[in-house]
Amino acid sequence: MARQKKRLAIGVSGAWQAGEDFVRAWKRAENGLPPEEPVNRLHFTDTPTLFKYLSSKRFELLQHLRKTGPLSIRKLSAELHRDYKNVHTDVKDLVHVGLIEETKDKLLSVPWDVIISELPLLAKAG
């Protein structure tokens, strides 16, 4: 049996969306239904912040790390032909928001197979 892909939904939303997600999950649980897919979510308060964390260079870094498996920051920067300091900053920020995981041995990995994004064109107040 094939392993199910580990998915992360990212998007832009405010506290209202977190509240709606919580209520929907609560109601599903009360009715004995399984959680909706994807379960893992990462929401940013606005689009500029999302794109700050998920710039094209950082997305390239995530793809490379997912493809190659666990690496150190030094090895990752060498393989990407990027300055160590810039990769270190990118990794620190991506670990902070949960897009990269770091082991006790300081090896980095991407736990997600797929990132699903939802970017509303009209912001909802709240």
PDB file of N, CA and C in Angstrom:
ATOM      1  N   MET A   1       0.830  -1.173   0.000  1.00  0.00           N
ATOM      2  CA  MET A   1       0.000   0.000   0.000  1.00  0.00           C
ATOM      3  C   MET A   1       0.884   1.249   0.000  1.00  0.00           C
ATOM      4  N   ALA A   2       0.591   2.191  -0.868  1.00  0.00           N
ATOM      5  CA  ALA A   2       1.399   3.403  -0.995  1.00  0.00           C
ATOM      6  C   ALA A   2       1.178   4.326   0.201  1.00  0.00           C
ATOM      7  N   ARG A   3       2.254   4.974   0.593  1.00  0.00           N
ATOM      8  CA  ARG A   3       2.194   5.936   1.685  1.00  0.00           C
ATOM      9  C   ARG A   3       1.418   7.168   1.230  1.00  0.00           C
ATOM     10  N   GLN A   4       0.544   7.666   2.104  1.00  0.00           N
ATOM     11  CA  GLN A   4      -0.217   8.866   1.773  1.00  0.00           C
ATOM     12  C   GLN A   4       0.701  10.082   1.871  1.00  0.00           C
ATOM     13  N   LYS A   5       0.588  10.982   0.910  1.00  0.00           N
ATOM     14  CA  LYS A   5       1.422  12.174   0.897  1.00  0.00           C
ATOM     15  C   LYS A   5       1.099  13.061   2.089  1.00  0.00           C
ATOM     16  N   LYS A   6       2.158  13.588   2.689  1.00  0.00           N
ATOM     17  CA  LYS A   6       1.996  14.512   3.803  1.00  0.00           C
ATOM     18  C   LYS A   6       1.834  15.907   3.221  1.00  0.00           C
ATOM     19  N   ARG A   7       0.665  16.515   3.472  1.00  0.00           N
ATOM     20  CA  ARG A   7       0.319  17.791   2.854  1.00  0.00           C
ATOM     21  C   ARG A   7       0.289  18.915   3.883  1.00  0.00           C
ATOM     22  N   LEU A   8       0.652  20.099   3.424  1.00  0.00           N
ATOM     23  CA  LEU A   8       0.571  21.313   4.243  1.00  0.00           C
ATOM     24  C   LEU A   8      -0.186  22.359   3.450  1.00  0.00           C
ATOM     25  N   ALA A   9      -1.244  22.888   4.032  1.00  0.00           N
ATOM     26  CA  ALA A   9      -1.999  23.968   3.394  1.00  0.00           C
ATOM     27  C   ALA A   9      -1.492  25.283   3.963  1.00  0.00           C
ATOM     28  N   ILE A  10      -1.077  26.172   3.082  1.00  0.00           N
ATOM     29  CA  ILE A  10      -0.663  27.496   3.533  1.00  0.00           C
ATOM     30  C   ILE A  10      -1.569  28.529   2.885  1.00  0.00           C
ATOM     31  N   GLY A  11      -1.730  29.631   3.567  1.00  0.00           N
ATOM     32  CA  GLY A  11      -2.579  30.670   3.016  1.00  0.00           C
ATOM     33  C   GLY A  11      -2.524  31.933   3.835  1.00  0.00           C
ATOM     34  N   VAL A  12      -3.406  32.835   3.485  1.00  0.00           N
ATOM     35  CA  VAL A  12      -3.505  34.122   4.147  1.00  0.00           C
ATOM     36  C   VAL A  12      -4.864  34.184   4.820  1.00  0.00           C
ATOM     37  N   SER A  13      -4.862  34.444   6.112  1.00  0.00           N
ATOM     38  CA  SER A  13      -6.127  34.576   6.827  1.00  0.00           C
ATOM     39  C   SER A  13      -5.879  35.226   8.175  1.00  0.00           C
ATOM     40  N   GLY A  14      -6.953  35.646   8.783  1.00  0.00           N
ATOM     41  CA  GLY A  14      -6.874  36.250  10.099  1.00  0.00           C
ATOM     42  C   GLY A  14      -7.397  35.302  11.155  1.00  0.00           C
ATOM     43  N   ALA A  15      -7.657  35.850  12.316  1.00  0.00           N
ATOM     44  CA  ALA A  15      -8.160  35.059  13.439  1.00  0.00           C
ATOM     45  C   ALA A  15      -9.509  34.432  13.101  1.00  0.00           C
ATOM     46  N   TRP A  16     -10.295  35.097  12.270  1.00  0.00           N
ATOM     47  CA  TRP A  16     -11.609  34.569  11.880  1.00  0.00           C
ATOM     48  C   TRP A  16     -11.476  33.199  11.229  1.00  0.00           C
ATOM     49  N   GLN A  17     -10.448  33.025  10.377  1.00  0.00           N
ATOM     50  CA  GLN A  17     -10.271  31.746   9.688  1.00  0.00           C
ATOM     51  C   GLN A  17      -9.885  30.652  10.672  1.00  0.00           C
ATOM     52  N   ALA A  18      -9.004  30.977  11.606  1.00  0.00           N
ATOM     53  CA  ALA A  18      -8.613  29.991  12.621  1.00  0.00           C
ATOM     54  C   ALA A  18      -9.832  29.571  13.426  1.00  0.00           C
ATOM     55  N   GLY A  19     -10.686  30.525  13.759  1.00  0.00           N
ATOM     56  CA  GLY A  19     -11.912  30.213  14.496  1.00  0.00           C
ATOM     57  C   GLY A  19     -12.846  29.325  13.698  1.00  0.00           C
ATOM     58  N   GLU A  20     -13.029  29.640  12.422  1.00  0.00           N
ATOM     59  CA  GLU A  20     -13.885  28.822  11.557  1.00  0.00           C
ATOM     60  C   GLU A  20     -13.329  27.400  11.430  1.00  0.00           C
ATOM     61  N   ASP A  21     -12.006  27.289  11.263  1.00  0.00           N
ATOM     62  CA  ASP A  21     -11.374  25.965  11.157  1.00  0.00           C
ATOM     63  C   ASP A  21     -11.610  25.152  12.433  1.00  0.00           C
ATOM     64  N   PHE A  22     -11.465  25.821  13.587  1.00  0.00           N
ATOM     65  CA  PHE A  22     -11.648  25.137  14.863  1.00  0.00           C
ATOM     66  C   PHE A  22     -13.084  24.637  15.015  1.00  0.00           C
ATOM     67  N   VAL A  23     -14.052  25.498  14.728  1.00  0.00           N
ATOM     68  CA  VAL A  23     -15.467  25.122  14.858  1.00  0.00           C
ATOM     69  C   VAL A  23     -15.805  23.974  13.913  1.00  0.00           C
ATOM     70  N   ARG A  24     -15.323  24.041  12.673  1.00  0.00           N
ATOM     71  CA  ARG A  24     -15.585  22.977  11.694  1.00  0.00           C
ATOM     72  C   ARG A  24     -14.992  21.647  12.179  1.00  0.00           C
ATOM     73  N   ALA A  25     -13.767  21.683  12.697  1.00  0.00           N
ATOM     74  CA  ALA A  25     -13.120  20.465  13.194  1.00  0.00           C
ATOM     75  C   ALA A  25     -13.878  19.917  14.403  1.00  0.00           C
ATOM     76  N   TRP A  26     -14.321  20.795  15.282  1.00  0.00           N
ATOM     77  CA  TRP A  26     -15.074  20.378  16.474  1.00  0.00           C
ATOM     78  C   TRP A  26     -16.364  19.670  16.065  1.00  0.00           C
ATOM     79  N   LYS A  27     -17.089  20.269  15.115  1.00  0.00           N
ATOM     80  CA  LYS A  27     -18.364  19.684  14.666  1.00  0.00           C
ATOM     81  C   LYS A  27     -18.145  18.324  14.004  1.00  0.00           C
ATOM     82  N   ARG A  28     -17.074  18.195  13.224  1.00  0.00           N
ATOM     83  CA  ARG A  28     -16.776  16.907  12.595  1.00  0.00           C
ATOM     84  C   ARG A  28     -16.491  15.853  13.665  1.00  0.00           C
ATOM     85  N   ALA A  29     -15.725  16.230  14.686  1.00  0.00           N
ATOM     86  CA  ALA A  29     -15.385  15.300  15.760  1.00  0.00           C
ATOM     87  C   ALA A  29     -16.639  14.889  16.534  1.00  0.00           C
ATOM     88  N   GLU A  30     -17.515  15.849  16.810  1.00  0.00           N
ATOM     89  CA  GLU A  30     -18.768  15.542  17.520  1.00  0.00           C
ATOM     90  C   GLU A  30     -19.626  14.541  16.745  1.00  0.00           C
ATOM     91  N   ASN A  31     -19.576  14.626  15.425  1.00  0.00           N
ATOM     92  CA  ASN A  31     -20.370  13.738  14.565  1.00  0.00           C
ATOM     93  C   ASN A  31     -19.627  12.447  14.215  1.00  0.00           C
ATOM     94  N   GLY A  32     -18.449  12.228  14.819  1.00  0.00           N
ATOM     95  CA  GLY A  32     -17.695  11.008  14.585  1.00  0.00           C
ATOM     96  C   GLY A  32     -17.041  10.925  13.220  1.00  0.00           C
ATOM     97  N   LEU A  33     -16.871  12.070  12.569  1.00  0.00           N
ATOM     98  CA  LEU A  33     -16.245  12.100  11.244  1.00  0.00           C
ATOM     99  C   LEU A  33     -14.737  12.292  11.365  1.00  0.00           C
ATOM    100  N   PRO A  34     -13.972  11.769  10.411  1.00  0.00           N
ATOM    101  CA  PRO A  34     -12.517  11.966  10.452  1.00  0.00           C
ATOM    102  C   PRO A  34     -12.168  13.424  10.135  1.00  0.00           C
ATOM    103  N   PRO A  35     -10.972  13.854  10.498  1.00  0.00           N
ATOM    104  CA  PRO A  35     -10.539  15.221  10.175  1.00  0.00           C
ATOM    105  C   PRO A  35     -10.518  15.450   8.671  1.00  0.00           C
ATOM    106  N   GLU A  36     -10.718  16.707   8.278  1.00  0.00           N
ATOM    107  CA  GLU A  36     -10.616  17.067   6.861  1.00  0.00           C
ATOM    108  C   GLU A  36      -9.164  16.978   6.427  1.00  0.00           C
ATOM    109  N   GLU A  37      -8.964  16.774   5.150  1.00  0.00           N
ATOM    110  CA  GLU A  37      -7.613  16.817   4.586  1.00  0.00           C
ATOM    111  C   GLU A  37      -7.431  18.128   3.860  1.00  0.00           C
ATOM    112  N   PRO A  38      -6.297  18.768   3.872  1.00  0.00           N
ATOM    113  CA  PRO A  38      -5.151  18.456   4.722  1.00  0.00           C
ATOM    114  C   PRO A  38      -5.364  18.962   6.144  1.00  0.00           C
ATOM    115  N   VAL A  39      -4.792  18.252   7.089  1.00  0.00           N
ATOM    116  CA  VAL A  39      -4.933  18.609   8.490  1.00  0.00           C
ATOM    117  C   VAL A  39      -3.937  19.701   8.856  1.00  0.00           C
ATOM    118  N   ASN A  40      -2.762  19.642   8.308  1.00  0.00           N
ATOM    119  CA  ASN A  40      -1.700  20.592   8.630  1.00  0.00           C
ATOM    120  C   ASN A  40      -1.929  21.908   7.901  1.00  0.00           C
ATOM    121  N   ARG A  41      -1.954  23.007   8.669  1.00  0.00           N
ATOM    122  CA  ARG A  41      -2.208  24.316   8.088  1.00  0.00           C
ATOM    123  C   ARG A  41      -1.212  25.325   8.630  1.00  0.00           C
ATOM    124  N   LEU A  42      -0.847  26.263   7.771  1.00  0.00           N
ATOM    125  CA  LEU A  42       0.009  27.383   8.154  1.00  0.00           C
ATOM    126  C   LEU A  42      -0.587  28.631   7.514  1.00  0.00           C
ATOM    127  N   HIS A  43      -1.044  29.549   8.350  1.00  0.00           N
ATOM    128  CA  HIS A  43      -1.676  30.759   7.839  1.00  0.00           C
ATOM    129  C   HIS A  43      -0.828  31.982   8.183  1.00  0.00           C
ATOM    130  N   PHE A  44      -0.700  32.872   7.230  1.00  0.00           N
ATOM    131  CA  PHE A  44      -0.005  34.135   7.422  1.00  0.00           C
ATOM    132  C   PHE A  44      -1.042  35.251   7.476  1.00  0.00           C
ATOM    133  N   THR A  45      -0.702  36.347   8.138  1.00  0.00           N
ATOM    134  CA  THR A  45      -1.664  37.433   8.310  1.00  0.00           C
ATOM    135  C   THR A  45      -1.896  38.225   7.034  1.00  0.00           C
ATOM    136  N   ASP A  46      -0.919  38.213   6.121  1.00  0.00           N
ATOM    137  CA  ASP A  46      -1.087  38.940   4.866  1.00  0.00           C
ATOM    138  C   ASP A  46      -0.189  38.331   3.789  1.00  0.00           C
ATOM    139  N   THR A  47      -0.491  38.690   2.542  1.00  0.00           N
ATOM    140  CA  THR A  47       0.243  38.125   1.408  1.00  0.00           C
ATOM    141  C   THR A  47       1.724  38.506   1.399  1.00  0.00           C
ATOM    142  N   PRO A  48       2.096  39.778   1.690  1.00  0.00           N
ATOM    143  CA  PRO A  48       3.530  40.101   1.711  1.00  0.00           C
ATOM    144  C   PRO A  48       4.321  39.239   2.707  1.00  0.00           C
ATOM    145  N   THR A  49       3.734  38.933   3.852  1.00  0.00           N
ATOM    146  CA  THR A  49       4.423  38.094   4.836  1.00  0.00           C
ATOM    147  C   THR A  49       4.583  36.672   4.301  1.00  0.00           C
ATOM    148  N   LEU A  50       3.531  36.141   3.670  1.00  0.00           N
ATOM    149  CA  LEU A  50       3.629  34.809   3.081  1.00  0.00           C
ATOM    150  C   LEU A  50       4.759  34.762   2.057  1.00  0.00           C
ATOM    151  N   PHE A  51       4.807  35.757   1.170  1.00  0.00           N
ATOM    152  CA  PHE A  51       5.844  35.761   0.135  1.00  0.00           C
ATOM    153  C   PHE A  51       7.232  36.050   0.695  1.00  0.00           C
ATOM    154  N   LYS A  52       7.304  36.710   1.851  1.00  0.00           N
ATOM    155  CA  LYS A  52       8.594  36.899   2.516  1.00  0.00           C
ATOM    156  C   LYS A  52       9.132  35.540   2.965  1.00  0.00           C
ATOM    157  N   TYR A  53       8.251  34.747   3.570  1.00  0.00           N
ATOM    158  CA  TYR A  53       8.676  33.440   4.049  1.00  0.00           C
ATOM    159  C   TYR A  53       8.825  32.425   2.927  1.00  0.00           C
ATOM    160  N   LEU A  54       8.104  32.599   1.854  1.00  0.00           N
ATOM    161  CA  LEU A  54       8.130  31.620   0.771  1.00  0.00           C
ATOM    162  C   LEU A  54       8.547  32.280  -0.543  1.00  0.00           C
ATOM    163  N   SER A  55       9.700  32.954  -0.506  1.00  0.00           N
ATOM    164  CA  SER A  55      10.253  33.574  -1.713  1.00  0.00           C
ATOM    165  C   SER A  55      10.693  32.476  -2.685  1.00  0.00           C
ATOM    166  N   SER A  56      11.036  32.869  -3.895  1.00  0.00           N
ATOM    167  CA  SER A  56      11.455  31.870  -4.886  1.00  0.00           C
ATOM    168  C   SER A  56      12.728  31.144  -4.446  1.00  0.00           C
ATOM    169  N   LYS A  57      13.668  31.842  -3.829  1.00  0.00           N
ATOM    170  CA  LYS A  57      14.902  31.200  -3.348  1.00  0.00           C
ATOM    171  C   LYS A  57      14.596  30.208  -2.227  1.00  0.00           C
ATOM    172  N   ARG A  58      13.696  30.592  -1.336  1.00  0.00           N
ATOM    173  CA  ARG A  58      13.335  29.694  -0.235  1.00  0.00           C
ATOM    174  C   ARG A  58      12.551  28.490  -0.741  1.00  0.00           C
ATOM    175  N   PHE A  59      11.702  28.687  -1.732  1.00  0.00           N
ATOM    176  CA  PHE A  59      10.974  27.564  -2.305  1.00  0.00           C
ATOM    177  C   PHE A  59      11.949  26.598  -2.981  1.00  0.00           C
ATOM    178  N   GLU A  60      12.934  27.139  -3.681  1.00  0.00           N
ATOM    179  CA  GLU A  60      13.979  26.314  -4.299  1.00  0.00           C
ATOM    180  C   GLU A  60      14.720  25.522  -3.225  1.00  0.00           C
ATOM    181  N   LEU A  61      15.010  26.163  -2.096  1.00  0.00           N
ATOM    182  CA  LEU A  61      15.686  25.513  -0.981  1.00  0.00           C
ATOM    183  C   LEU A  61      14.829  24.356  -0.454  1.00  0.00           C
ATOM    184  N   LEU A  62      13.528  24.600  -0.268  1.00  0.00           N
ATOM    185  CA  LEU A  62      12.625  23.549   0.203  1.00  0.00           C
ATOM    186  C   LEU A  62      12.588  22.367  -0.767  1.00  0.00           C
ATOM    187  N   GLN A  63      12.472  22.665  -2.050  1.00  0.00           N
ATOM    188  CA  GLN A  63      12.428  21.598  -3.056  1.00  0.00           C
ATOM    189  C   GLN A  63      13.709  20.770  -3.038  1.00  0.00           C
ATOM    190  N   HIS A  64      14.846  21.438  -2.962  1.00  0.00           N
ATOM    191  CA  HIS A  64      16.133  20.726  -2.970  1.00  0.00           C
ATOM    192  C   HIS A  64      16.261  19.843  -1.735  1.00  0.00           C
ATOM    193  N   LEU A  65      15.921  20.400  -0.594  1.00  0.00           N
ATOM    194  CA  LEU A  65      16.033  19.655   0.654  1.00  0.00           C
ATOM    195  C   LEU A  65      15.075  18.463   0.672  1.00  0.00           C
ATOM    196  N   ARG A  66      13.880  18.633   0.122  1.00  0.00           N
ATOM    197  CA  ARG A  66      12.915  17.531   0.059  1.00  0.00           C
ATOM    198  C   ARG A  66      13.423  16.425  -0.864  1.00  0.00           C
ATOM    199  N   LYS A  67      14.051  16.828  -1.967  1.00  0.00           N
ATOM    200  CA  LYS A  67      14.563  15.875  -2.953  1.00  0.00           C
ATOM    201  C   LYS A  67      15.766  15.097  -2.421  1.00  0.00           C
ATOM    202  N   THR A  68      16.687  15.787  -1.748  1.00  0.00           N
ATOM    203  CA  THR A  68      17.941  15.156  -1.333  1.00  0.00           C
ATOM    204  C   THR A  68      17.871  14.469   0.018  1.00  0.00           C
ATOM    205  N   GLY A  69      16.961  14.909   0.874  1.00  0.00           N
ATOM    206  CA  GLY A  69      16.908  14.366   2.221  1.00  0.00           C
ATOM    207  C   GLY A  69      17.721  15.214   3.174  1.00  0.00           C
ATOM    208  N   PRO A  70      17.885  14.750   4.416  1.00  0.00           N
ATOM    209  CA  PRO A  70      18.525  15.567   5.449  1.00  0.00           C
ATOM    210  C   PRO A  70      19.938  16.026   5.076  1.00  0.00           C
ATOM    211  N   LEU A  71      20.167  17.326   5.289  1.00  0.00           N
ATOM    212  CA  LEU A  71      21.469  17.946   5.030  1.00  0.00           C
ATOM    213  C   LEU A  71      21.785  18.957   6.116  1.00  0.00           C
ATOM    214  N   SER A  72      23.055  19.281   6.245  1.00  0.00           N
ATOM    215  CA  SER A  72      23.461  20.386   7.113  1.00  0.00           C
ATOM    216  C   SER A  72      23.290  21.698   6.335  1.00  0.00           C
ATOM    217  N   ILE A  73      23.301  22.805   7.053  1.00  0.00           N
ATOM    218  CA  ILE A  73      23.198  24.106   6.377  1.00  0.00           C
ATOM    219  C   ILE A  73      24.388  24.304   5.443  1.00  0.00           C
ATOM    220  N   ARG A  74      25.562  23.928   5.890  1.00  0.00           N
ATOM    221  CA  ARG A  74      26.772  24.100   5.064  1.00  0.00           C
ATOM    222  C   ARG A  74      26.662  23.312   3.759  1.00  0.00           C
ATOM    223  N   LYS A  75      26.242  22.051   3.864  1.00  0.00           N
ATOM    224  CA  LYS A  75      26.103  21.204   2.679  1.00  0.00           C
ATOM    225  C   LYS A  75      24.997  21.742   1.764  1.00  0.00           C
ATOM    226  N   LEU A  76      23.900  22.182   2.357  1.00  0.00           N
ATOM    227  CA  LEU A  76      22.790  22.735   1.590  1.00  0.00           C
ATOM    228  C   LEU A  76      23.227  23.984   0.835  1.00  0.00           C
ATOM    229  N   SER A  77      23.935  24.882   1.493  1.00  0.00           N
ATOM    230  CA  SER A  77      24.392  26.106   0.815  1.00  0.00           C
ATOM    231  C   SER A  77      25.368  25.776  -0.312  1.00  0.00           C
ATOM    232  N   ALA A  78      26.221  24.778  -0.101  1.00  0.00           N
ATOM    233  CA  ALA A  78      27.167  24.382  -1.156  1.00  0.00           C
ATOM    234  C   ALA A  78      26.431  23.797  -2.358  1.00  0.00           C
ATOM    235  N   GLU A  79      25.454  22.931  -2.098  1.00  0.00           N
ATOM    236  CA  GLU A  79      24.716  22.298  -3.200  1.00  0.00           C
ATOM    237  C   GLU A  79      23.859  23.301  -3.971  1.00  0.00           C
ATOM    238  N   LEU A  80      23.387  24.341  -3.282  1.00  0.00           N
ATOM    239  CA  LEU A  80      22.575  25.366  -3.942  1.00  0.00           C
ATOM    240  C   LEU A  80      23.424  26.494  -4.538  1.00  0.00           C
ATOM    241  N   HIS A  81      24.732  26.452  -4.283  1.00  0.00           N
ATOM    242  CA  HIS A  81      25.654  27.499  -4.751  1.00  0.00           C
ATOM    243  C   HIS A  81      25.223  28.865  -4.244  1.00  0.00           C
ATOM    244  N   ARG A  82      24.885  28.906  -2.928  1.00  0.00           N
ATOM    245  CA  ARG A  82      24.437  30.137  -2.291  1.00  0.00           C
ATOM    246  C   ARG A  82      25.309  30.428  -1.090  1.00  0.00           C
ATOM    247  N   ASP A  83      25.359  31.674  -0.704  1.00  0.00           N
ATOM    248  CA  ASP A  83      26.126  32.120   0.444  1.00  0.00           C
ATOM    249  C   ASP A  83      25.600  31.453   1.723  1.00  0.00           C
ATOM    250  N   TYR A  84      26.513  30.962   2.554  1.00  0.00           N
ATOM    251  CA  TYR A  84      26.140  30.254   3.787  1.00  0.00           C
ATOM    252  C   TYR A  84      25.250  31.121   4.676  1.00  0.00           C
ATOM    253  N   LYS A  85      25.614  32.387   4.853  1.00  0.00           N
ATOM    254  CA  LYS A  85      24.865  33.283   5.740  1.00  0.00           C
ATOM    255  C   LYS A  85      23.417  33.444   5.271  1.00  0.00           C
ATOM    256  N   ASN A  86      23.209  33.593   3.972  1.00  0.00           N
ATOM    257  CA  ASN A  86      21.853  33.744   3.440  1.00  0.00           C
ATOM    258  C   ASN A  86      21.033  32.463   3.615  1.00  0.00           C
ATOM    259  N   VAL A  87      21.663  31.321   3.378  1.00  0.00           N
ATOM    260  CA  VAL A  87      20.971  30.039   3.563  1.00  0.00           C
ATOM    261  C   VAL A  87      20.653  29.837   5.042  1.00  0.00           C
ATOM    262  N   HIS A  88      21.589  30.204   5.911  1.00  0.00           N
ATOM    263  CA  HIS A  88      21.365  30.083   7.353  1.00  0.00           C
ATOM    264  C   HIS A  88      20.149  30.912   7.777  1.00  0.00           C
ATOM    265  N   THR A  89      20.053  32.138   7.284  1.00  0.00           N
ATOM    266  CA  THR A  89      18.913  33.009   7.600  1.00  0.00           C
ATOM    267  C   THR A  89      17.611  32.399   7.079  1.00  0.00           C
ATOM    268  N   ASP A  90      17.640  31.912   5.842  1.00  0.00           N
ATOM    269  CA  ASP A  90      16.449  31.291   5.257  1.00  0.00           C
ATOM    270  C   ASP A  90      16.004  30.073   6.073  1.00  0.00           C
ATOM    271  N   VAL A  91      16.960  29.222   6.422  1.00  0.00           N
ATOM    272  CA  VAL A  91      16.658  28.008   7.179  1.00  0.00           C
ATOM    273  C   VAL A  91      16.084  28.376   8.548  1.00  0.00           C
ATOM    274  N   LYS A  92      16.689  29.336   9.225  1.00  0.00           N
ATOM    275  CA  LYS A  92      16.207  29.762  10.548  1.00  0.00           C
ATOM    276  C   LYS A  92      14.746  30.196  10.471  1.00  0.00           C
ATOM    277  N   ASP A  93      14.402  31.002   9.474  1.00  0.00           N
ATOM    278  CA  ASP A  93      13.023  31.467   9.315  1.00  0.00           C
ATOM    279  C   ASP A  93      12.079  30.321   8.953  1.00  0.00           C
ATOM    280  N   LEU A  94      12.508  29.417   8.082  1.00  0.00           N
ATOM    281  CA  LEU A  94      11.661  28.306   7.657  1.00  0.00           C
ATOM    282  C   LEU A  94      11.449  27.278   8.775  1.00  0.00           C
ATOM    283  N   VAL A  95      12.446  27.095   9.633  1.00  0.00           N
ATOM    284  CA  VAL A  95      12.287  26.246  10.817  1.00  0.00           C
ATOM    285  C   VAL A  95      11.279  26.898  11.760  1.00  0.00           C
ATOM    286  N   HIS A  96      11.391  28.212  11.923  1.00  0.00           N
ATOM    287  CA  HIS A  96      10.512  28.960  12.830  1.00  0.00           C
ATOM    288  C   HIS A  96       9.038  28.773  12.486  1.00  0.00           C
ATOM    289  N   VAL A  97       8.696  28.761  11.201  1.00  0.00           N
ATOM    290  CA  VAL A  97       7.287  28.617  10.802  1.00  0.00           C
ATOM    291  C   VAL A  97       6.887  27.167  10.525  1.00  0.00           C
ATOM    292  N   GLY A  98       7.818  26.225  10.655  1.00  0.00           N
ATOM    293  CA  GLY A  98       7.477  24.813  10.524  1.00  0.00           C
ATOM    294  C   GLY A  98       7.575  24.231   9.127  1.00  0.00           C
ATOM    295  N   LEU A  99       8.201  24.942   8.207  1.00  0.00           N
ATOM    296  CA  LEU A  99       8.363  24.406   6.851  1.00  0.00           C
ATOM    297  C   LEU A  99       9.568  23.475   6.751  1.00  0.00           C
ATOM    298  N   ILE A 100      10.514  23.616   7.690  1.00  0.00           N
ATOM    299  CA  ILE A 100      11.697  22.751   7.770  1.00  0.00           C
ATOM    300  C   ILE A 100      11.798  22.244   9.204  1.00  0.00           C
ATOM    301  N   GLU A 101      12.246  21.004   9.352  1.00  0.00           N
ATOM    302  CA  GLU A 101      12.522  20.441  10.668  1.00  0.00           C
ATOM    303  C   GLU A 101      14.025  20.268  10.824  1.00  0.00           C
ATOM    304  N   GLU A 102      14.500  20.431  12.068  1.00  0.00           N
ATOM    305  CA  GLU A 102      15.924  20.288  12.356  1.00  0.00           C
ATOM    306  C   GLU A 102      16.097  19.219  13.433  1.00  0.00           C
ATOM    307  N   THR A 103      17.026  18.276  13.181  1.00  0.00           N
ATOM    308  CA  THR A 103      17.291  17.209  14.143  1.00  0.00           C
ATOM    309  C   THR A 103      18.271  17.695  15.198  1.00  0.00           C
ATOM    310  N   LYS A 104      18.466  16.857  16.229  1.00  0.00           N
ATOM    311  CA  LYS A 104      19.469  17.179  17.255  1.00  0.00           C
ATOM    312  C   LYS A 104      20.860  17.285  16.645  1.00  0.00           C
ATOM    313  N   ASP A 105      21.090  16.557  15.551  1.00  0.00           N
ATOM    314  CA  ASP A 105      22.391  16.567  14.871  1.00  0.00           C
ATOM    315  C   ASP A 105      22.549  17.758  13.939  1.00  0.00           C
ATOM    316  N   LYS A 106      21.578  18.673  13.950  1.00  0.00           N
ATOM    317  CA  LYS A 106      21.587  19.876  13.108  1.00  0.00           C
ATOM    318  C   LYS A 106      21.401  19.551  11.627  1.00  0.00           C
ATOM    319  N   LEU A 107      20.776  18.412  11.338  1.00  0.00           N
ATOM    320  CA  LEU A 107      20.436  18.095   9.957  1.00  0.00           C
ATOM    321  C   LEU A 107      19.028  18.601   9.677  1.00  0.00           C
ATOM    322  N   LEU A 108      18.819  19.083   8.469  1.00  0.00           N
ATOM    323  CA  LEU A 108      17.552  19.699   8.081  1.00  0.00           C
ATOM    324  C   LEU A 108      16.779  18.787   7.156  1.00  0.00           C
ATOM    325  N   SER A 109      15.455  18.806   7.303  1.00  0.00           N
ATOM    326  CA  SER A 109      14.616  18.049   6.382  1.00  0.00           C
ATOM    327  C   SER A 109      13.281  18.770   6.207  1.00  0.00           C
ATOM    328  N   VAL A 110      12.614  18.453   5.111  1.00  0.00           N
ATOM    329  CA  VAL A 110      11.292  19.000   4.823  1.00  0.00           C
ATOM    330  C   VAL A 110      10.304  17.853   5.022  1.00  0.00           C
ATOM    331  N   PRO A 111       9.393  17.995   5.996  1.00  0.00           N
ATOM    332  CA  PRO A 111       8.469  16.897   6.279  1.00  0.00           C
ATOM    333  C   PRO A 111       7.291  16.803   5.318  1.00  0.00           C
ATOM    334  N   TRP A 112       7.135  17.766   4.426  1.00  0.00           N
ATOM    335  CA  TRP A 112       5.964  17.838   3.551  1.00  0.00           C
ATOM    336  C   TRP A 112       6.270  17.287   2.168  1.00  0.00           C
ATOM    337  N   ASP A 113       5.314  16.574   1.606  1.00  0.00           N
ATOM    338  CA  ASP A 113       5.417  16.131   0.222  1.00  0.00           C
ATOM    339  C   ASP A 113       4.833  17.175  -0.716  1.00  0.00           C
ATOM    340  N   VAL A 114       3.782  17.846  -0.237  1.00  0.00           N
ATOM    341  CA  VAL A 114       3.042  18.800  -1.059  1.00  0.00           C
ATOM    342  C   VAL A 114       2.674  20.007  -0.208  1.00  0.00           C
ATOM    343  N   ILE A 115       2.812  21.189  -0.800  1.00  0.00           N
ATOM    344  CA  ILE A 115       2.320  22.411  -0.167  1.00  0.00           C
ATOM    345  C   ILE A 115       1.177  22.926  -1.031  1.00  0.00           C
ATOM    346  N   ILE A 116       0.026  23.071  -0.406  1.00  0.00           N
ATOM    347  CA  ILE A 116      -1.164  23.569  -1.090  1.00  0.00           C
ATOM    348  C   ILE A 116      -1.355  25.009  -0.643  1.00  0.00           C
ATOM    349  N   SER A 117      -1.516  25.930  -1.588  1.00  0.00           N
ATOM    350  CA  SER A 117      -1.679  27.322  -1.192  1.00  0.00           C
ATOM    351  C   SER A 117      -3.038  27.860  -1.589  1.00  0.00           C
ATOM    352  N   GLU A 118      -3.536  28.738  -0.740  1.00  0.00           N
ATOM    353  CA  GLU A 118      -4.798  29.413  -1.008  1.00  0.00           C
ATOM    354  C   GLU A 118      -4.570  30.894  -0.746  1.00  0.00           C
ATOM    355  N   LEU A 119      -4.689  31.682  -1.810  1.00  0.00           N
ATOM    356  CA  LEU A 119      -4.447  33.115  -1.703  1.00  0.00           C
ATOM    357  C   LEU A 119      -5.702  33.871  -2.119  1.00  0.00           C
ATOM    358  N   PRO A 120      -6.460  34.372  -1.144  1.00  0.00           N
ATOM    359  CA  PRO A 120      -7.673  35.100  -1.499  1.00  0.00           C
ATOM    360  C   PRO A 120      -7.352  36.421  -2.177  1.00  0.00           C
ATOM    361  N   LEU A 121      -8.120  36.750  -3.194  1.00  0.00           N
ATOM    362  CA  LEU A 121      -7.935  38.018  -3.882  1.00  0.00           C
ATOM    363  C   LEU A 121      -8.632  39.155  -3.138  1.00  0.00           C
ATOM    364  N   LEU A 122      -9.652  38.827  -2.380  1.00  0.00           N
ATOM    365  CA  LEU A 122     -10.344  39.814  -1.567  1.00  0.00           C
ATOM    366  C   LEU A 122     -10.206  39.392  -0.112  1.00  0.00           C
ATOM    367  N   ALA A 123      -9.679  40.274   0.700  1.00  0.00           N
ATOM    368  CA  ALA A 123      -9.482  39.963   2.112  1.00  0.00           C
ATOM    369  C   ALA A 123     -10.810  40.033   2.854  1.00  0.00           C
ATOM    370  N   LYS A 124     -11.001  39.101   3.776  1.00  0.00           N
ATOM    371  CA  LYS A 124     -12.203  39.096   4.613  1.00  0.00           C
ATOM    372  C   LYS A 124     -11.872  39.850   5.886  1.00  0.00           C
ATOM    373  N   ALA A 125     -12.732  40.726   6.318  1.00  0.00           N
ATOM    374  CA  ALA A 125     -12.490  41.504   7.522  1.00  0.00           C
ATOM    375  C   ALA A 125     -12.532  40.602   8.741  1.00  0.00           C
ATOM    376  N   GLY A 126     -11.749  40.958   9.749  1.00  0.00           N
ATOM    377  CA  GLY A 126     -11.792  40.189  10.992  1.00  0.00           C
ATOM    378  C   GLY A 126     -10.463  39.976  11.468  1.00  0.00           C
TER     379      GLY A 126
END
